[in-house]
N, C-alpha and C. Protein backbone atom coordinates (compact mmCIF):
# COMPACT_ATOMS: atom_id res chain seq x y z
N UNK A 1 119.83 129.19 88.73
CA UNK A 1 118.73 129.34 89.66
C UNK A 1 117.88 130.54 89.26
N UNK A 2 116.58 130.39 89.25
CA UNK A 2 115.64 131.43 88.85
C UNK A 2 115.57 132.51 89.93
N UNK A 3 115.68 133.76 89.51
CA UNK A 3 115.56 134.86 90.46
C UNK A 3 114.09 135.02 90.85
N UNK A 4 113.85 135.13 92.15
CA UNK A 4 112.49 135.26 92.64
C UNK A 4 112.01 136.69 92.43
N UNK A 5 110.92 136.84 91.68
CA UNK A 5 110.30 138.15 91.53
C UNK A 5 108.89 138.04 92.05
N UNK A 6 108.63 138.78 93.09
CA UNK A 6 107.31 138.76 93.70
C UNK A 6 106.57 140.00 93.22
N UNK A 7 105.41 139.81 92.59
CA UNK A 7 104.67 140.98 92.14
C UNK A 7 104.30 141.87 93.31
N UNK A 8 104.33 143.19 93.08
CA UNK A 8 103.97 144.12 94.13
C UNK A 8 102.57 143.83 94.64
N UNK A 9 101.69 143.42 93.73
CA UNK A 9 100.33 143.10 94.12
C UNK A 9 99.81 142.04 93.16
N UNK A 10 99.08 141.12 93.69
CA UNK A 10 98.48 140.09 92.85
C UNK A 10 97.37 140.73 92.02
N UNK A 11 97.28 140.34 90.76
CA UNK A 11 96.18 140.87 89.96
C UNK A 11 94.93 140.03 90.16
N UNK A 12 93.86 140.43 89.52
CA UNK A 12 92.56 139.78 89.69
C UNK A 12 92.61 138.30 89.29
N UNK A 13 93.33 137.97 88.23
CA UNK A 13 93.43 136.58 87.79
C UNK A 13 94.17 135.73 88.81
N UNK A 14 95.29 136.25 89.34
CA UNK A 14 96.03 135.52 90.38
C UNK A 14 95.15 135.26 91.59
N UNK A 15 94.43 136.27 92.02
CA UNK A 15 93.55 136.13 93.18
C UNK A 15 92.44 135.11 92.90
N UNK A 16 91.93 135.14 91.70
CA UNK A 16 90.89 134.20 91.32
C UNK A 16 91.42 132.76 91.34
N UNK A 17 92.61 132.56 90.83
CA UNK A 17 93.24 131.24 90.88
C UNK A 17 93.38 130.78 92.33
N UNK A 18 93.88 131.65 93.19
CA UNK A 18 94.06 131.30 94.61
C UNK A 18 92.73 130.97 95.28
N UNK A 19 91.71 131.75 95.00
CA UNK A 19 90.39 131.47 95.60
C UNK A 19 89.86 130.10 95.19
N UNK A 20 89.95 129.80 93.90
CA UNK A 20 89.45 128.51 93.42
C UNK A 20 90.26 127.34 93.98
N UNK A 21 91.57 127.49 94.07
CA UNK A 21 92.39 126.41 94.60
C UNK A 21 92.15 126.20 96.10
N UNK A 22 91.84 127.27 96.83
CA UNK A 22 91.49 127.10 98.25
C UNK A 22 90.21 126.30 98.40
N UNK A 23 89.27 126.52 97.51
CA UNK A 23 88.00 125.80 97.57
C UNK A 23 88.15 124.35 97.14
N UNK A 24 89.01 124.11 96.14
CA UNK A 24 89.18 122.76 95.62
C UNK A 24 90.58 122.61 95.03
N UNK A 25 91.48 122.07 95.81
CA UNK A 25 92.86 121.89 95.36
C UNK A 25 93.03 120.77 94.34
N UNK A 26 91.97 120.03 94.07
CA UNK A 26 92.04 118.93 93.11
C UNK A 26 91.63 119.34 91.70
N UNK A 27 91.33 120.60 91.49
CA UNK A 27 90.96 121.04 90.15
C UNK A 27 92.07 120.74 89.16
N UNK A 28 91.71 120.25 88.00
CA UNK A 28 92.70 120.08 86.95
C UNK A 28 93.05 121.46 86.40
N UNK A 29 94.16 121.57 85.71
CA UNK A 29 94.54 122.84 85.12
C UNK A 29 93.47 123.31 84.13
N UNK A 30 92.91 122.39 83.35
CA UNK A 30 91.87 122.75 82.38
C UNK A 30 90.63 123.30 83.09
N UNK A 31 90.23 122.66 84.20
CA UNK A 31 89.07 123.15 84.96
C UNK A 31 89.36 124.52 85.57
N UNK A 32 90.55 124.68 86.12
CA UNK A 32 90.94 125.95 86.73
C UNK A 32 90.99 127.05 85.67
N UNK A 33 91.53 126.74 84.51
CA UNK A 33 91.59 127.72 83.42
C UNK A 33 90.18 128.16 83.01
N UNK A 34 89.27 127.22 82.92
CA UNK A 34 87.89 127.55 82.55
C UNK A 34 87.25 128.45 83.61
N UNK A 35 87.45 128.11 84.89
CA UNK A 35 86.86 128.89 85.97
C UNK A 35 87.44 130.30 86.07
N UNK A 36 88.67 130.47 85.63
CA UNK A 36 89.34 131.77 85.75
C UNK A 36 89.40 132.53 84.43
N UNK A 37 88.74 131.98 83.41
CA UNK A 37 88.70 132.62 82.09
C UNK A 37 90.09 132.90 81.53
N UNK A 38 90.96 131.91 81.64
CA UNK A 38 92.30 132.00 81.06
C UNK A 38 92.53 130.77 80.19
N UNK A 39 93.55 130.83 79.37
CA UNK A 39 93.92 129.66 78.59
C UNK A 39 94.62 128.67 79.52
N UNK A 40 94.59 127.38 79.20
CA UNK A 40 95.29 126.41 80.03
C UNK A 40 96.78 126.75 80.20
N UNK A 41 97.43 127.21 79.14
CA UNK A 41 98.86 127.55 79.24
C UNK A 41 99.09 128.72 80.20
N UNK A 42 98.27 129.75 80.08
CA UNK A 42 98.39 130.91 80.98
C UNK A 42 98.10 130.51 82.42
N UNK A 43 97.05 129.71 82.60
CA UNK A 43 96.69 129.27 83.94
C UNK A 43 97.82 128.46 84.57
N UNK A 44 98.40 127.55 83.81
CA UNK A 44 99.50 126.73 84.32
C UNK A 44 100.70 127.59 84.68
N UNK A 45 101.05 128.52 83.81
CA UNK A 45 102.20 129.40 84.07
C UNK A 45 101.96 130.24 85.34
N UNK A 46 100.76 130.78 85.48
CA UNK A 46 100.46 131.59 86.66
C UNK A 46 100.44 130.75 87.94
N UNK A 47 99.86 129.55 87.86
CA UNK A 47 99.82 128.68 89.03
C UNK A 47 101.24 128.29 89.45
N UNK A 48 102.08 127.95 88.49
CA UNK A 48 103.47 127.62 88.81
C UNK A 48 104.17 128.80 89.47
N UNK A 49 103.93 130.01 88.95
CA UNK A 49 104.56 131.20 89.55
C UNK A 49 104.06 131.41 90.98
N UNK A 50 102.77 131.17 91.22
CA UNK A 50 102.23 131.33 92.57
C UNK A 50 102.89 130.34 93.55
N UNK A 51 103.18 129.13 93.07
CA UNK A 51 103.93 128.17 93.90
C UNK A 51 105.36 128.67 94.11
N UNK A 52 106.03 129.02 93.04
CA UNK A 52 107.45 129.41 93.11
C UNK A 52 107.66 130.66 93.97
N UNK A 53 106.71 131.59 93.90
CA UNK A 53 106.85 132.82 94.67
C UNK A 53 106.33 132.69 96.10
N UNK A 54 105.87 131.49 96.48
CA UNK A 54 105.48 131.23 97.85
C UNK A 54 104.06 131.61 98.23
N UNK A 55 103.24 132.00 97.25
CA UNK A 55 101.84 132.30 97.56
C UNK A 55 101.07 131.02 97.91
N UNK A 56 101.45 129.92 97.29
CA UNK A 56 100.86 128.61 97.61
C UNK A 56 101.98 127.78 98.22
N UNK A 57 101.81 127.38 99.46
CA UNK A 57 102.87 126.62 100.12
C UNK A 57 102.71 125.12 99.94
N UNK A 58 101.47 124.65 99.81
CA UNK A 58 101.25 123.22 99.59
C UNK A 58 99.79 122.98 99.22
N UNK A 59 99.54 121.80 98.73
CA UNK A 59 98.17 121.37 98.44
C UNK A 59 98.03 120.00 99.09
N UNK A 60 96.99 119.84 99.90
CA UNK A 60 96.80 118.56 100.57
C UNK A 60 95.33 118.30 100.83
N UNK A 61 95.03 117.06 101.13
CA UNK A 61 93.65 116.66 101.40
C UNK A 61 93.28 116.98 102.84
N UNK A 62 92.02 117.33 103.05
CA UNK A 62 91.48 117.49 104.40
C UNK A 62 90.82 116.17 104.77
N UNK A 63 91.32 115.53 105.80
CA UNK A 63 90.81 114.23 106.24
C UNK A 63 89.71 114.46 107.29
N UNK A 64 88.63 113.72 107.20
CA UNK A 64 87.56 113.79 108.19
C UNK A 64 88.07 113.13 109.48
N UNK A 65 88.31 113.90 110.55
CA UNK A 65 88.92 113.35 111.77
C UNK A 65 88.19 112.16 112.37
N UNK A 66 86.87 112.21 112.38
CA UNK A 66 86.10 111.12 112.98
C UNK A 66 86.25 109.82 112.20
N UNK A 67 86.56 109.90 110.91
CA UNK A 67 86.74 108.69 110.09
C UNK A 67 88.04 107.96 110.40
N UNK A 68 89.00 108.67 111.00
CA UNK A 68 90.30 108.07 111.33
C UNK A 68 90.54 108.07 112.84
N UNK A 69 89.45 108.04 113.60
CA UNK A 69 89.49 107.95 115.05
C UNK A 69 90.27 109.09 115.72
N UNK A 70 90.05 110.30 115.20
CA UNK A 70 90.63 111.51 115.79
C UNK A 70 89.56 112.58 115.93
N UNK A 71 88.39 112.19 116.40
CA UNK A 71 87.24 113.08 116.46
C UNK A 71 87.23 114.06 117.61
N UNK A 72 88.13 113.92 118.57
CA UNK A 72 88.16 114.83 119.72
C UNK A 72 89.25 115.88 119.50
N UNK A 73 88.83 117.13 119.49
CA UNK A 73 89.75 118.24 119.30
C UNK A 73 90.04 118.88 120.65
N UNK A 74 91.33 119.09 120.92
CA UNK A 74 91.76 119.65 122.20
C UNK A 74 92.71 120.81 121.93
N UNK A 75 92.48 121.91 122.63
CA UNK A 75 93.40 123.04 122.60
C UNK A 75 94.11 123.07 123.95
N UNK A 76 95.42 123.24 123.92
CA UNK A 76 96.19 123.24 125.16
C UNK A 76 97.03 124.50 125.23
N UNK A 77 96.84 125.25 126.31
CA UNK A 77 97.70 126.40 126.57
C UNK A 77 98.89 125.92 127.39
N UNK A 78 100.08 126.36 127.00
CA UNK A 78 101.31 125.91 127.65
C UNK A 78 102.07 127.13 128.18
N UNK A 79 102.52 127.02 129.43
CA UNK A 79 103.38 128.02 130.03
C UNK A 79 104.73 127.35 130.29
N UNK A 80 105.79 127.98 129.81
CA UNK A 80 107.14 127.45 130.06
C UNK A 80 107.71 128.03 131.34
N UNK A 81 108.69 127.34 131.90
CA UNK A 81 109.28 127.81 133.16
C UNK A 81 110.23 128.99 132.94
N UNK A 82 110.71 129.16 131.71
CA UNK A 82 111.59 130.30 131.38
C UNK A 82 111.15 130.89 130.05
N UNK A 83 111.32 132.20 129.89
CA UNK A 83 111.01 132.87 128.63
C UNK A 83 112.31 133.33 127.98
N UNK A 84 113.06 132.37 127.47
CA UNK A 84 114.32 132.68 126.81
C UNK A 84 114.30 132.08 125.41
N UNK A 85 115.09 132.62 124.51
CA UNK A 85 115.15 132.04 123.17
C UNK A 85 115.55 130.55 123.20
N UNK A 86 116.41 130.18 124.12
CA UNK A 86 116.84 128.78 124.23
C UNK A 86 115.69 127.88 124.66
N UNK A 87 114.93 128.31 125.67
CA UNK A 87 113.82 127.46 126.13
C UNK A 87 112.73 127.37 125.07
N UNK A 88 112.47 128.47 124.36
CA UNK A 88 111.50 128.43 123.27
C UNK A 88 111.99 127.48 122.18
N UNK A 89 113.25 127.57 121.83
CA UNK A 89 113.81 126.72 120.79
C UNK A 89 113.75 125.24 121.13
N UNK A 90 114.08 124.89 122.37
CA UNK A 90 114.01 123.49 122.82
C UNK A 90 112.58 122.97 122.77
N UNK A 91 111.64 123.79 123.25
CA UNK A 91 110.24 123.38 123.24
C UNK A 91 109.75 123.19 121.81
N UNK A 92 110.02 124.15 120.95
CA UNK A 92 109.56 124.07 119.56
C UNK A 92 110.15 122.88 118.83
N UNK A 93 111.42 122.60 119.05
CA UNK A 93 112.05 121.43 118.42
C UNK A 93 111.38 120.14 118.86
N UNK A 94 111.05 120.05 120.14
CA UNK A 94 110.41 118.84 120.66
C UNK A 94 108.98 118.69 120.16
N UNK A 95 108.25 119.79 120.08
CA UNK A 95 106.85 119.75 119.64
C UNK A 95 106.75 119.28 118.19
N UNK A 96 107.67 119.69 117.35
CA UNK A 96 107.59 119.31 115.93
C UNK A 96 107.78 117.81 115.72
N UNK A 97 108.25 117.11 116.72
CA UNK A 97 108.46 115.66 116.61
C UNK A 97 107.25 114.85 117.07
N UNK A 98 106.23 115.52 117.59
CA UNK A 98 105.04 114.83 118.10
C UNK A 98 103.93 114.87 117.06
N UNK A 99 103.60 113.74 116.46
CA UNK A 99 102.65 113.74 115.35
C UNK A 99 101.21 114.07 115.73
N UNK A 100 100.85 113.98 117.00
CA UNK A 100 99.47 114.28 117.40
C UNK A 100 99.23 115.78 117.53
N UNK A 101 100.29 116.59 117.49
CA UNK A 101 100.13 118.04 117.58
C UNK A 101 99.97 118.59 116.16
N UNK A 102 98.79 119.14 115.88
CA UNK A 102 98.50 119.67 114.55
C UNK A 102 99.06 121.06 114.35
N UNK A 103 98.94 121.90 115.36
CA UNK A 103 99.39 123.29 115.28
C UNK A 103 100.05 123.66 116.60
N UNK A 104 101.05 124.52 116.50
CA UNK A 104 101.72 125.07 117.67
C UNK A 104 101.99 126.54 117.38
N UNK A 105 101.47 127.41 118.25
CA UNK A 105 101.60 128.85 118.05
C UNK A 105 102.19 129.51 119.29
N UNK A 106 103.25 130.29 119.09
CA UNK A 106 103.78 131.15 120.15
C UNK A 106 102.82 132.33 120.25
N UNK A 107 102.35 132.61 121.47
CA UNK A 107 101.33 133.64 121.64
C UNK A 107 101.73 134.64 122.72
N UNK A 108 101.08 135.78 122.70
CA UNK A 108 101.24 136.77 123.77
C UNK A 108 100.09 136.58 124.74
N UNK A 109 100.31 136.90 125.99
CA UNK A 109 99.24 136.79 126.97
C UNK A 109 99.59 135.84 128.09
N UNK A 110 98.58 135.14 128.61
CA UNK A 110 98.76 134.28 129.77
C UNK A 110 99.55 133.01 129.47
N UNK A 111 99.59 132.60 128.22
CA UNK A 111 100.30 131.38 127.83
C UNK A 111 101.46 131.74 126.93
N UNK A 112 102.42 130.82 126.85
CA UNK A 112 103.50 130.99 125.89
C UNK A 112 103.13 130.38 124.54
N UNK A 113 102.42 129.24 124.57
CA UNK A 113 102.05 128.54 123.34
C UNK A 113 100.62 128.04 123.43
N UNK A 114 99.99 127.92 122.27
CA UNK A 114 98.74 127.18 122.14
C UNK A 114 98.99 126.02 121.20
N UNK A 115 98.53 124.84 121.61
CA UNK A 115 98.66 123.64 120.81
C UNK A 115 97.28 123.18 120.38
N UNK A 116 97.18 122.74 119.14
CA UNK A 116 95.94 122.14 118.64
C UNK A 116 96.23 120.66 118.45
N UNK A 117 95.43 119.84 119.12
CA UNK A 117 95.70 118.39 119.18
C UNK A 117 94.42 117.64 118.83
N UNK A 118 94.55 116.57 118.06
CA UNK A 118 93.42 115.68 117.78
C UNK A 118 93.72 114.31 118.35
N UNK A 119 92.74 113.77 119.08
CA UNK A 119 92.87 112.45 119.69
C UNK A 119 91.56 111.69 119.49
N UNK A 120 91.55 110.42 119.85
CA UNK A 120 90.33 109.63 119.67
C UNK A 120 89.28 109.95 120.73
N UNK A 121 89.71 110.19 121.97
CA UNK A 121 88.77 110.48 123.05
C UNK A 121 89.52 111.06 124.24
N UNK A 122 88.81 111.34 125.32
CA UNK A 122 89.42 111.94 126.51
C UNK A 122 90.46 111.02 127.13
N UNK A 123 90.19 109.73 127.16
CA UNK A 123 91.17 108.78 127.73
C UNK A 123 92.46 108.79 126.92
N UNK A 124 92.34 108.87 125.61
CA UNK A 124 93.52 108.94 124.74
C UNK A 124 94.33 110.20 125.07
N UNK A 125 93.63 111.34 125.22
CA UNK A 125 94.32 112.57 125.58
C UNK A 125 94.97 112.46 126.95
N UNK A 126 94.26 111.89 127.90
CA UNK A 126 94.80 111.77 129.26
C UNK A 126 96.12 111.01 129.26
N UNK A 127 96.19 109.89 128.55
CA UNK A 127 97.43 109.13 128.49
C UNK A 127 98.54 109.90 127.80
N UNK A 128 98.21 110.55 126.70
CA UNK A 128 99.21 111.33 125.96
C UNK A 128 99.68 112.53 126.78
N UNK A 129 98.77 113.17 127.50
CA UNK A 129 99.13 114.32 128.33
C UNK A 129 100.13 113.91 129.41
N UNK A 130 99.83 112.81 130.09
CA UNK A 130 100.68 112.35 131.18
C UNK A 130 102.04 111.85 130.74
N UNK A 131 102.12 111.30 129.54
CA UNK A 131 103.39 110.73 129.11
C UNK A 131 104.18 111.62 128.15
N UNK A 132 103.52 112.49 127.43
CA UNK A 132 104.22 113.26 126.40
C UNK A 132 104.20 114.77 126.63
N UNK A 133 103.02 115.33 126.84
CA UNK A 133 102.92 116.79 126.91
C UNK A 133 103.67 117.39 128.08
N UNK A 134 103.41 116.89 129.28
CA UNK A 134 104.07 117.49 130.44
C UNK A 134 105.56 117.16 130.50
N UNK A 135 106.00 116.22 129.65
CA UNK A 135 107.41 115.88 129.58
C UNK A 135 108.17 116.74 128.57
N UNK A 136 107.47 117.60 127.85
CA UNK A 136 108.16 118.47 126.89
C UNK A 136 109.10 119.41 127.64
N UNK A 137 110.22 119.77 127.04
CA UNK A 137 111.21 120.60 127.73
C UNK A 137 110.66 121.95 128.17
N UNK A 138 110.87 122.26 129.43
CA UNK A 138 110.54 123.57 129.97
C UNK A 138 109.09 123.78 130.36
N UNK A 139 108.24 122.78 130.23
CA UNK A 139 106.82 122.97 130.53
C UNK A 139 106.62 123.11 132.03
N UNK A 140 106.05 124.25 132.43
CA UNK A 140 105.72 124.48 133.83
C UNK A 140 104.25 124.18 134.09
N UNK A 141 103.39 124.55 133.12
CA UNK A 141 101.96 124.41 133.33
C UNK A 141 101.26 124.23 131.99
N UNK A 142 100.19 123.44 132.01
CA UNK A 142 99.32 123.34 130.84
C UNK A 142 97.89 123.58 131.28
N UNK A 143 97.10 124.11 130.38
CA UNK A 143 95.66 124.25 130.62
C UNK A 143 94.96 123.70 129.40
N UNK A 144 94.05 122.76 129.62
CA UNK A 144 93.41 122.02 128.54
C UNK A 144 91.99 122.51 128.30
N UNK A 145 91.66 122.65 127.01
CA UNK A 145 90.32 123.06 126.59
C UNK A 145 89.81 122.03 125.60
N UNK A 146 88.78 121.28 125.99
CA UNK A 146 88.17 120.32 125.08
C UNK A 146 87.14 121.07 124.23
N UNK A 147 87.25 120.93 122.93
CA UNK A 147 86.36 121.63 122.02
C UNK A 147 85.01 120.91 121.99
N UNK A 148 83.97 121.65 122.30
CA UNK A 148 82.62 121.09 122.33
C UNK A 148 81.98 121.07 120.95
N UNK A 149 82.30 122.09 120.15
CA UNK A 149 81.73 122.21 118.81
C UNK A 149 82.70 122.99 117.93
N UNK A 150 82.97 122.47 116.77
CA UNK A 150 83.82 123.17 115.80
C UNK A 150 82.92 124.01 114.91
N UNK A 151 82.95 125.29 115.11
CA UNK A 151 82.10 126.19 114.33
C UNK A 151 82.71 126.41 112.96
N UNK A 152 84.00 126.65 112.90
CA UNK A 152 84.72 126.77 111.64
C UNK A 152 86.14 126.28 111.87
N UNK A 153 86.70 125.63 110.87
CA UNK A 153 88.05 125.10 110.98
C UNK A 153 88.75 125.26 109.64
N UNK A 154 89.90 125.87 109.67
CA UNK A 154 90.71 126.02 108.46
C UNK A 154 89.94 126.72 107.34
N UNK A 155 89.28 127.80 107.69
CA UNK A 155 88.52 128.57 106.70
C UNK A 155 89.48 129.17 105.66
N UNK A 156 89.01 129.35 104.44
CA UNK A 156 89.88 129.94 103.41
C UNK A 156 90.25 131.38 103.77
N UNK A 157 91.42 131.78 103.34
CA UNK A 157 91.85 133.17 103.53
C UNK A 157 91.06 134.06 102.59
N UNK A 158 90.62 135.18 103.09
CA UNK A 158 89.92 136.15 102.26
C UNK A 158 90.90 137.26 101.91
N UNK A 159 90.93 137.62 100.65
CA UNK A 159 91.84 138.70 100.22
C UNK A 159 91.28 139.39 99.00
């Protein structure tokens, strides 16, 4: 098994590779090498290391939600009836099994969790809310926010 060595700091070439891959994960190694002024072999070796060291967790396509009948974005604040590690664990385990939930974040403040959900329309959300969301373990209260306009979504990390 390869010993994981994480560089103390990414150098300019590593950062450049990461920036380009965030913009276009479909770049071929040859294209990426050209854009980063490295040889294809060096670029491939560095990209593999960035994956192995956990700097890149995955590469995937961004699907246009409206094209697959998921054009309505909903944010839901959730309050649990108890604030214990067990209740958090039960809730989190149940949430990960629901495919309509895109993101789930444990937060500080008035809510315990924020959920990001995509549905086809308000009626779709209403049915899912009544049958799935409020049935999640430990849910005491939910507050729903329908997104009127997506100003930015999944913006690239700046570093």
